[in-house]
Amino acid sequence: MKLALVGYGKMGKIIETHALAQEHTISSIIDPFVEGAKKSLTLEHLQGCDVAIDFTHPDVAFEHIRFYIKNRISAVIGTTGWYEHLGEVASMVDEANATILYSGNFSLGVALFLRSVRYAAALYGRTGRYDPAIIEVHHNKKADSPSGTASMLASTVLEGFPGKTRIEYETQHQRRSDEVLHVSSLRVGSVPGTHTVLFDSPEDTIELIHTARNRDGFAFGAVAAAAWLKEQKSGLYTLEDMVDAVFLR
C-alpha cells in the first residue's frame, strides 16, 4: 500500500515507522513546516498514493477534508476540531462518492473501550442512582480541547444514559443542571492521553479508565484503518466501522 503522510509531526513520524515495518510504502510527505517535505496539499503531491493519512491541525482539517472529497482521494483523518462540520462532510461524501474514515482516536483499545462505556452507561443509567461525568488529560502541546476521544465518549454516554440530554465542556461556575453531562479537560506535561468515565452515586463511584502509554497504539490503528479503507467502497466511515468489520464480525 502506498501512503501519503499529511502532517509530519510526532504522530506522522510514528505512523511512518509502523507503515514501513509492515512493508508499506510512503509515496509522499506533506508538511509546510518540515524541511524536505512537500509544502502544500495538491493532487501532484498525492499522485500515486492509495490512501492519505492526515494528522495535521484543527485549523486546516476541514479544508483538507474538502480537498480529499472533491478529488476523491481516500483519506484517513486523525485530525480533530472539525466535527461541527460532520453533517456537511457526510453530504459531500455522498455527493462525490468519496471514501473517508475519521476518528478522534485510532487506538484499537479505545474503540473497544467505547463499547464498554456504552454498556456501562445503559447499565448504571437504569438504576436511577448514578451521575456520569468525563475527565480527559493530555500533554500541554495538544492544540484542541476537548479531545476528540472525550467527545466520542460523551456522545456514547448520552446515547445510553436516561435523563442526560446535552453536553457541557466549559468550566462550571454555577450549579449544573441534572440533564447536563459535564466533560472536564486538563492539559499538563507530556501525558499521551488519559480518559476517565465516572459514574458516581451517594454510595460509591465507578471509574472506567483508558490510559495511552505512548502514541504507538494510535499509529498502529491509523495504518490498519488505511489498509482497510483501501478495500472499501465509497462512504464515510469511523474506526468503529473497521473494528466491527474486522474484529467483531
C-alpha atoms as a PDB file:
ATOM      1  CA  MET A   1       0.000   0.000   0.000  1.00  0.00           C
ATOM      2  CA  LYS A   2       1.268   3.462  -0.911  1.00  0.00           C
ATOM      3  CA  LEU A   3       0.613   6.063   1.777  1.00  0.00           C
ATOM      4  CA  ALA A   4       0.805   9.838   1.715  1.00  0.00           C
ATOM      5  CA  LEU A   5       1.531  11.304   5.139  1.00  0.00           C
ATOM      6  CA  VAL A   6      -0.127  14.695   5.510  1.00  0.00           C
ATOM      7  CA  GLY A   7       1.383  16.173   8.647  1.00  0.00           C
ATOM      8  CA  TYR A   8       4.823  15.024   9.754  1.00  0.00           C
ATOM      9  CA  GLY A   9       4.893  15.862  13.430  1.00  0.00           C
ATOM     10  CA  LYS A  10       5.272  13.304  16.200  1.00  0.00           C
ATOM     11  CA  MET A  11       2.307  11.237  15.013  1.00  0.00           C
ATOM     12  CA  GLY A  12       3.340  11.384  11.366  1.00  0.00           C
ATOM     13  CA  LYS A  13       6.817  10.093  12.161  1.00  0.00           C
ATOM     14  CA  ILE A  14       5.488   7.220  14.287  1.00  0.00           C
ATOM     15  CA  ILE A  15       2.962   6.310  11.579  1.00  0.00           C
ATOM     16  CA  GLU A  16       5.818   6.213   9.061  1.00  0.00           C
ATOM     17  CA  THR A  17       7.760   3.807  11.297  1.00  0.00           C
ATOM     18  CA  HIS A  18       4.779   1.464  11.663  1.00  0.00           C
ATOM     19  CA  ALA A  19       3.908   1.643   7.960  1.00  0.00           C
ATOM     20  CA  LEU A  20       7.439   0.789   6.840  1.00  0.00           C
ATOM     21  CA  ALA A  21       7.653  -2.044   9.379  1.00  0.00           C
ATOM     22  CA  GLN A  22       4.562  -3.522   7.712  1.00  0.00           C
ATOM     23  CA  GLU A  23       6.217  -3.152   4.294  1.00  0.00           C
ATOM     24  CA  HIS A  24       4.011  -0.321   3.093  1.00  0.00           C
ATOM     25  CA  THR A  25       5.473   2.496   1.002  1.00  0.00           C
ATOM     26  CA  ILE A  26       5.492   6.210   1.812  1.00  0.00           C
ATOM     27  CA  SER A  27       4.740   7.900  -1.505  1.00  0.00           C
ATOM     28  CA  SER A  28       4.937  11.453  -0.168  1.00  0.00           C
ATOM     29  CA  ILE A  29       5.227  13.514   2.990  1.00  0.00           C
ATOM     30  CA  ILE A  30       3.372  16.828   3.075  1.00  0.00           C
ATOM     31  CA  ASP A  31       4.057  19.372   5.809  1.00  0.00           C
ATOM     32  CA  PRO A  32       4.811  23.072   5.266  1.00  0.00           C
ATOM     33  CA  PHE A  33       6.856  23.224   8.464  1.00  0.00           C
ATOM     34  CA  VAL A  34       9.206  20.298   7.792  1.00  0.00           C
ATOM     35  CA  GLU A  35      12.390  20.690   5.762  1.00  0.00           C
ATOM     36  CA  GLY A  36      12.449  18.372   2.760  1.00  0.00           C
ATOM     37  CA  ALA A  37       8.703  17.668   2.831  1.00  0.00           C
ATOM     38  CA  LYS A  38       6.187  18.820   0.236  1.00  0.00           C
ATOM     39  CA  LYS A  39       4.823  22.193   1.295  1.00  0.00           C
ATOM     40  CA  SER A  40       1.222  22.067   0.077  1.00  0.00           C
ATOM     41  CA  LEU A  41      -1.680  19.663  -0.323  1.00  0.00           C
ATOM     42  CA  THR A  42      -2.039  19.214  -4.088  1.00  0.00           C
ATOM     43  CA  LEU A  43      -3.037  16.436  -6.470  1.00  0.00           C
ATOM     44  CA  GLU A  44       0.511  16.395  -7.793  1.00  0.00           C
ATOM     45  CA  HIS A  45       1.901  15.714  -4.328  1.00  0.00           C
ATOM     46  CA  LEU A  46      -0.639  12.929  -3.744  1.00  0.00           C
ATOM     47  CA  GLN A  47      -0.097  11.292  -7.116  1.00  0.00           C
ATOM     48  CA  GLY A  48       0.199   7.519  -6.857  1.00  0.00           C
ATOM     49  CA  CYS A  49      -0.917   7.185  -3.234  1.00  0.00           C
ATOM     50  CA  ASP A  50      -3.579   4.659  -2.276  1.00  0.00           C
ATOM     51  CA  VAL A  51      -4.582   6.428   0.936  1.00  0.00           C
ATOM     52  CA  ALA A  52      -3.652   9.720   2.596  1.00  0.00           C
ATOM     53  CA  ILE A  53      -3.273   9.751   6.380  1.00  0.00           C
ATOM     54  CA  ASP A  54      -3.918  13.229   7.782  1.00  0.00           C
ATOM     55  CA  PHE A  55      -2.688  14.233  11.235  1.00  0.00           C
ATOM     56  CA  THR A  56      -2.333  17.991  10.903  1.00  0.00           C
ATOM     57  CA  HIS A  57      -4.039  20.844  12.766  1.00  0.00           C
ATOM     58  CA  PRO A  58      -7.690  21.668  13.566  1.00  0.00           C
ATOM     59  CA  ASP A  59      -7.367  24.982  11.696  1.00  0.00           C
ATOM     60  CA  VAL A  60      -6.847  23.217   8.357  1.00  0.00           C
ATOM     61  CA  ALA A  61      -8.706  19.942   8.957  1.00  0.00           C
ATOM     62  CA  PHE A  62     -11.987  20.875   7.262  1.00  0.00           C
ATOM     63  CA  GLU A  63     -10.200  22.441   4.291  1.00  0.00           C
ATOM     64  CA  HIS A  64      -8.153  19.264   3.839  1.00  0.00           C
ATOM     65  CA  ILE A  65     -11.222  17.030   4.086  1.00  0.00           C
ATOM     66  CA  ARG A  66     -12.999  19.052   1.401  1.00  0.00           C
ATOM     67  CA  PHE A  67      -9.927  18.642  -0.816  1.00  0.00           C
ATOM     68  CA  TYR A  68      -9.878  14.853  -0.378  1.00  0.00           C
ATOM     69  CA  ILE A  69     -13.602  14.613  -1.081  1.00  0.00           C
ATOM     70  CA  LYS A  70     -13.529  16.884  -4.139  1.00  0.00           C
ATOM     71  CA  ASN A  71     -10.640  14.925  -5.650  1.00  0.00           C
ATOM     72  CA  ARG A  72     -11.854  11.524  -4.434  1.00  0.00           C
ATOM     73  CA  ILE A  73      -8.663  10.794  -2.524  1.00  0.00           C
ATOM     74  CA  SER A  74      -9.210   8.020   0.012  1.00  0.00           C
ATOM     75  CA  ALA A  75      -8.183   9.528   3.338  1.00  0.00           C
ATOM     76  CA  VAL A  76      -7.838   8.597   6.990  1.00  0.00           C
ATOM     77  CA  ILE A  77      -8.457  11.685   9.136  1.00  0.00           C
ATOM     78  CA  GLY A  78      -6.853  11.728  12.569  1.00  0.00           C
ATOM     79  CA  THR A  79      -7.078  15.490  12.984  1.00  0.00           C
ATOM     80  CA  THR A  80      -9.878  16.648  15.285  1.00  0.00           C
ATOM     81  CA  GLY A  81     -11.556  20.014  15.858  1.00  0.00           C
ATOM     82  CA  TRP A  82     -13.809  19.913  12.765  1.00  0.00           C
ATOM     83  CA  TYR A  83     -16.764  17.843  13.974  1.00  0.00           C
ATOM     84  CA  GLU A  84     -19.213  20.768  13.811  1.00  0.00           C
ATOM     85  CA  HIS A  85     -18.975  20.214  10.022  1.00  0.00           C
ATOM     86  CA  LEU A  86     -19.697  16.477  10.230  1.00  0.00           C
ATOM     87  CA  GLY A  87     -23.157  16.739   8.661  1.00  0.00           C
ATOM     88  CA  GLU A  88     -21.790  18.780   5.779  1.00  0.00           C
ATOM     89  CA  VAL A  89     -18.930  16.319   5.294  1.00  0.00           C
ATOM     90  CA  ALA A  90     -21.354  13.385   5.197  1.00  0.00           C
ATOM     91  CA  SER A  91     -23.386  15.112   2.474  1.00  0.00           C
ATOM     92  CA  MET A  92     -20.285  15.947   0.426  1.00  0.00           C
ATOM     93  CA  VAL A  93     -19.012  12.362   0.681  1.00  0.00           C
ATOM     94  CA  ASP A  94     -22.352  11.055  -0.605  1.00  0.00           C
ATOM     95  CA  GLU A  95     -22.459  13.522  -3.489  1.00  0.00           C
ATOM     96  CA  ALA A  96     -18.865  12.889  -4.589  1.00  0.00           C
ATOM     97  CA  ASN A  97     -18.748   9.132  -3.913  1.00  0.00           C
ATOM     98  CA  ALA A  98     -15.648   9.791  -1.833  1.00  0.00           C
ATOM     99  CA  THR A  99     -14.050   7.476   0.723  1.00  0.00           C
ATOM    100  CA  ILE A 100     -13.177   8.949   4.118  1.00  0.00           C
ATOM    101  CA  LEU A 101     -12.507   7.345   7.511  1.00  0.00           C
ATOM    102  CA  TYR A 102     -12.223   9.539  10.596  1.00  0.00           C
ATOM    103  CA  SER A 103     -11.766   9.062  14.316  1.00  0.00           C
ATOM    104  CA  GLY A 104     -10.891  11.147  17.335  1.00  0.00           C
ATOM    105  CA  ASN A 105      -8.668   8.284  18.484  1.00  0.00           C
ATOM    106  CA  PHE A 106      -7.147   5.490  16.402  1.00  0.00           C
ATOM    107  CA  SER A 107      -6.272   3.223  19.306  1.00  0.00           C
ATOM    108  CA  LEU A 108      -7.997  -0.135  18.895  1.00  0.00           C
ATOM    109  CA  GLY A 109      -8.117  -0.257  22.696  1.00  0.00           C
ATOM    110  CA  VAL A 110     -10.148   2.951  22.737  1.00  0.00           C
ATOM    111  CA  ALA A 111     -12.536   1.552  20.124  1.00  0.00           C
ATOM    112  CA  LEU A 112     -13.231  -1.371  22.457  1.00  0.00           C
ATOM    113  CA  PHE A 113     -13.283   0.977  25.477  1.00  0.00           C
ATOM    114  CA  LEU A 114     -16.148   2.861  23.810  1.00  0.00           C
ATOM    115  CA  ARG A 115     -18.155  -0.339  23.754  1.00  0.00           C
ATOM    116  CA  SER A 116     -17.513  -0.869  27.464  1.00  0.00           C
ATOM    117  CA  VAL A 117     -18.673   2.683  28.179  1.00  0.00           C
ATOM    118  CA  ARG A 118     -21.798   2.229  26.050  1.00  0.00           C
ATOM    119  CA  TYR A 119     -22.755  -0.862  28.042  1.00  0.00           C
ATOM    120  CA  ALA A 120     -21.916   0.767  31.398  1.00  0.00           C
ATOM    121  CA  ALA A 121     -23.941   3.911  30.607  1.00  0.00           C
ATOM    122  CA  ALA A 122     -27.040   1.846  29.892  1.00  0.00           C
ATOM    123  CA  LEU A 123     -26.473  -0.357  32.942  1.00  0.00           C
ATOM    124  CA  TYR A 124     -25.837   2.369  35.540  1.00  0.00           C
ATOM    125  CA  GLY A 125     -28.386   4.671  33.951  1.00  0.00           C
ATOM    126  CA  ARG A 126     -31.182   2.203  34.629  1.00  0.00           C
ATOM    127  CA  THR A 127     -30.582   2.323  38.393  1.00  0.00           C
ATOM    128  CA  GLY A 128     -31.506   5.995  38.752  1.00  0.00           C
ATOM    129  CA  ARG A 129     -28.697   6.347  41.324  1.00  0.00           C
ATOM    130  CA  TYR A 130     -25.645   7.351  39.300  1.00  0.00           C
ATOM    131  CA  ASP A 131     -24.444  10.609  37.785  1.00  0.00           C
ATOM    132  CA  PRO A 132     -21.891  10.328  34.937  1.00  0.00           C
ATOM    133  CA  ALA A 133     -19.011  12.647  34.057  1.00  0.00           C
ATOM    134  CA  ILE A 134     -15.892  12.522  31.886  1.00  0.00           C
ATOM    135  CA  ILE A 135     -12.366  13.753  32.634  1.00  0.00           C
ATOM    136  CA  GLU A 136      -9.649  13.844  29.972  1.00  0.00           C
ATOM    137  CA  VAL A 137      -5.951  14.671  30.435  1.00  0.00           C
ATOM    138  CA  HIS A 138      -3.449  15.350  27.634  1.00  0.00           C
ATOM    139  CA  HIS A 139       0.005  16.868  27.136  1.00  0.00           C
ATOM    140  CA  ASN A 140       0.330  20.631  27.153  1.00  0.00           C
ATOM    141  CA  LYS A 141       1.109  20.811  23.417  1.00  0.00           C
ATOM    142  CA  LYS A 142      -2.299  19.470  22.352  1.00  0.00           C
ATOM    143  CA  ALA A 143      -3.979  22.076  20.151  1.00  0.00           C
ATOM    144  CA  ASP A 144      -7.655  21.405  20.842  1.00  0.00           C
ATOM    145  CA  SER A 145      -9.946  20.880  23.800  1.00  0.00           C
ATOM    146  CA  PRO A 146     -11.912  18.749  24.462  1.00  0.00           C
ATOM    147  CA  SER A 147     -10.139  15.831  22.837  1.00  0.00           C
ATOM    148  CA  GLY A 148     -11.858  14.004  20.016  1.00  0.00           C
ATOM    149  CA  THR A 149     -11.947  10.926  22.223  1.00  0.00           C
ATOM    150  CA  ALA A 150     -13.698  12.829  25.011  1.00  0.00           C
ATOM    151  CA  SER A 151     -16.323  13.999  22.526  1.00  0.00           C
ATOM    152  CA  MET A 152     -16.867  10.430  21.324  1.00  0.00           C
ATOM    153  CA  LEU A 153     -17.162   9.181  24.907  1.00  0.00           C
ATOM    154  CA  ALA A 154     -19.616  11.955  25.773  1.00  0.00           C
ATOM    155  CA  SER A 155     -21.825  11.127  22.798  1.00  0.00           C
ATOM    156  CA  THR A 156     -21.694   7.447  23.751  1.00  0.00           C
ATOM    157  CA  VAL A 157     -22.786   8.157  27.336  1.00  0.00           C
ATOM    158  CA  LEU A 158     -25.545  10.488  26.130  1.00  0.00           C
ATOM    159  CA  GLU A 159     -26.940   7.788  23.840  1.00  0.00           C
ATOM    160  CA  GLY A 160     -27.449   5.304  26.656  1.00  0.00           C
ATOM    161  CA  PHE A 161     -27.901   7.241  29.891  1.00  0.00           C
ATOM    162  CA  PRO A 162     -31.521   8.256  30.645  1.00  0.00           C
ATOM    163  CA  GLY A 163     -32.004  11.888  31.625  1.00  0.00           C
ATOM    164  CA  LYS A 164     -28.770  13.219  30.104  1.00  0.00           C
ATOM    165  CA  THR A 165     -29.654  15.311  27.067  1.00  0.00           C
ATOM    166  CA  ARG A 166     -26.748  17.701  26.489  1.00  0.00           C
ATOM    167  CA  ILE A 167     -23.007  18.028  26.979  1.00  0.00           C
ATOM    168  CA  GLU A 168     -21.104  20.940  28.526  1.00  0.00           C
ATOM    169  CA  TYR A 169     -17.355  21.252  28.095  1.00  0.00           C
ATOM    170  CA  GLU A 170     -16.796  24.597  29.782  1.00  0.00           C
ATOM    171  CA  THR A 171     -15.784  25.184  33.397  1.00  0.00           C
ATOM    172  CA  GLN A 172     -18.868  25.313  35.611  1.00  0.00           C
ATOM    173  CA  HIS A 173     -19.466  28.487  37.661  1.00  0.00           C
ATOM    174  CA  GLN A 174     -22.945  27.588  38.839  1.00  0.00           C
ATOM    175  CA  ARG A 175     -24.979  24.546  39.779  1.00  0.00           C
ATOM    176  CA  ARG A 176     -25.073  22.137  36.864  1.00  0.00           C
ATOM    177  CA  SER A 177     -28.497  21.150  35.520  1.00  0.00           C
ATOM    178  CA  ASP A 178     -29.361  17.496  36.014  1.00  0.00           C
ATOM    179  CA  GLU A 179     -29.679  16.855  32.282  1.00  0.00           C
ATOM    180  CA  VAL A 180     -26.101  18.025  31.606  1.00  0.00           C
ATOM    181  CA  LEU A 181     -23.170  15.655  31.125  1.00  0.00           C
ATOM    182  CA  HIS A 182     -20.034  17.528  32.183  1.00  0.00           C
ATOM    183  CA  VAL A 183     -16.717  16.918  30.407  1.00  0.00           C
ATOM    184  CA  SER A 184     -13.575  18.347  32.002  1.00  0.00           C
ATOM    185  CA  SER A 185     -10.226  18.811  30.197  1.00  0.00           C
ATOM    186  CA  LEU A 186      -6.732  19.185  31.651  1.00  0.00           C
ATOM    187  CA  ARG A 187      -3.535  19.963  29.724  1.00  0.00           C
ATOM    188  CA  VAL A 188      -0.315  19.159  31.545  1.00  0.00           C
ATOM    189  CA  GLY A 189       3.204  17.846  30.930  1.00  0.00           C
ATOM    190  CA  SER A 190       3.666  15.072  28.383  1.00  0.00           C
ATOM    191  CA  VAL A 191       0.640  12.846  29.059  1.00  0.00           C
ATOM    192  CA  PRO A 192      -0.215  10.971  25.792  1.00  0.00           C
ATOM    193  CA  GLY A 193      -3.864  10.709  26.813  1.00  0.00           C
ATOM    194  CA  THR A 194      -5.965   9.535  29.755  1.00  0.00           C
ATOM    195  CA  HIS A 195      -9.766   9.353  29.652  1.00  0.00           C
ATOM    196  CA  THR A 196     -11.875   8.602  32.709  1.00  0.00           C
ATOM    197  CA  VAL A 197     -15.616   7.980  32.662  1.00  0.00           C
ATOM    198  CA  LEU A 198     -17.130   8.315  36.149  1.00  0.00           C
ATOM    199  CA  PHE A 199     -20.435   7.007  37.437  1.00  0.00           C
ATOM    200  CA  ASP A 200     -20.998   8.478  40.890  1.00  0.00           C
ATOM    201  CA  SER A 201     -23.712   7.696  43.441  1.00  0.00           C
ATOM    202  CA  PRO A 202     -24.190   8.545  47.138  1.00  0.00           C
ATOM    203  CA  GLU A 203     -22.839   5.082  47.947  1.00  0.00           C
ATOM    204  CA  ASP A 204     -19.902   4.604  45.580  1.00  0.00           C
ATOM    205  CA  THR A 205     -18.017   5.687  42.474  1.00  0.00           C
ATOM    206  CA  ILE A 206     -17.201   3.544  39.457  1.00  0.00           C
ATOM    207  CA  GLU A 207     -14.375   4.674  37.162  1.00  0.00           C
ATOM    208  CA  LEU A 208     -13.657   3.333  33.694  1.00  0.00           C
ATOM    209  CA  ILE A 209     -10.187   4.480  32.610  1.00  0.00           C
ATOM    210  CA  HIS A 210      -8.205   4.252  29.397  1.00  0.00           C
ATOM    211  CA  THR A 211      -4.570   5.372  29.596  1.00  0.00           C
ATOM    212  CA  ALA A 212      -2.380   5.549  26.498  1.00  0.00           C
ATOM    213  CA  ARG A 213       1.256   4.730  27.305  1.00  0.00           C
ATOM    214  CA  ASN A 214       2.531   6.200  24.044  1.00  0.00           C
ATOM    215  CA  ARG A 215       1.434   7.059  20.512  1.00  0.00           C
ATOM    216  CA  ASP A 216       2.244   3.655  19.025  1.00  0.00           C
ATOM    217  CA  GLY A 217      -1.306   2.384  19.513  1.00  0.00           C
ATOM    218  CA  PHE A 218      -2.693   5.357  17.579  1.00  0.00           C
ATOM    219  CA  ALA A 219      -0.199   4.826  14.739  1.00  0.00           C
ATOM    220  CA  PHE A 220      -0.905   1.101  14.502  1.00  0.00           C
ATOM    221  CA  GLY A 221      -4.627   1.803  14.311  1.00  0.00           C
ATOM    222  CA  ALA A 222      -4.199   4.521  11.677  1.00  0.00           C
ATOM    223  CA  VAL A 223      -2.184   2.236   9.384  1.00  0.00           C
ATOM    224  CA  ALA A 224      -4.661  -0.608   9.917  1.00  0.00           C
ATOM    225  CA  ALA A 225      -7.514   1.789   9.101  1.00  0.00           C
ATOM    226  CA  ALA A 226      -5.794   2.874   5.879  1.00  0.00           C
ATOM    227  CA  ALA A 227      -5.298  -0.742   4.770  1.00  0.00           C
ATOM    228  CA  TRP A 228      -8.954  -1.488   5.479  1.00  0.00           C
ATOM    229  CA  LEU A 229     -10.217   1.699   3.806  1.00  0.00           C
ATOM    230  CA  LYS A 230      -8.294   0.909   0.615  1.00  0.00           C
ATOM    231  CA  GLU A 231     -10.588  -2.087   0.074  1.00  0.00           C
ATOM    232  CA  GLN A 232     -13.888  -0.321   0.824  1.00  0.00           C
ATOM    233  CA  LYS A 233     -16.456   1.210  -1.479  1.00  0.00           C
ATOM    234  CA  SER A 234     -17.167   4.930  -1.167  1.00  0.00           C
ATOM    235  CA  GLY A 235     -18.621   6.208   2.087  1.00  0.00           C
ATOM    236  CA  LEU A 236     -17.935   7.983   5.369  1.00  0.00           C
ATOM    237  CA  TYR A 237     -16.524   5.548   7.907  1.00  0.00           C
ATOM    238  CA  THR A 238     -15.319   5.590  11.504  1.00  0.00           C
ATOM    239  CA  LEU A 239     -12.766   3.415  13.267  1.00  0.00           C
ATOM    240  CA  GLU A 240     -15.684   1.620  14.905  1.00  0.00           C
ATOM    241  CA  ASP A 241     -16.865   0.532  11.455  1.00  0.00           C
ATOM    242  CA  MET A 242     -13.474  -1.046  10.834  1.00  0.00           C
ATOM    243  CA  VAL A 243     -13.385  -2.711  14.260  1.00  0.00           C
ATOM    244  CA  ASP A 244     -16.875  -4.110  13.702  1.00  0.00           C
ATOM    245  CA  ALA A 245     -15.927  -5.483  10.291  1.00  0.00           C
ATOM    246  CA  VAL A 246     -12.509  -6.897  11.172  1.00  0.00           C
ATOM    247  CA  PHE A 247     -12.613  -7.918  14.828  1.00  0.00           C
ATOM    248  CA  LEU A 248     -16.260  -8.327  15.842  1.00  0.00           C
ATOM    249  CA  ARG A 249     -17.956  -9.955  12.875  1.00  0.00           C
END
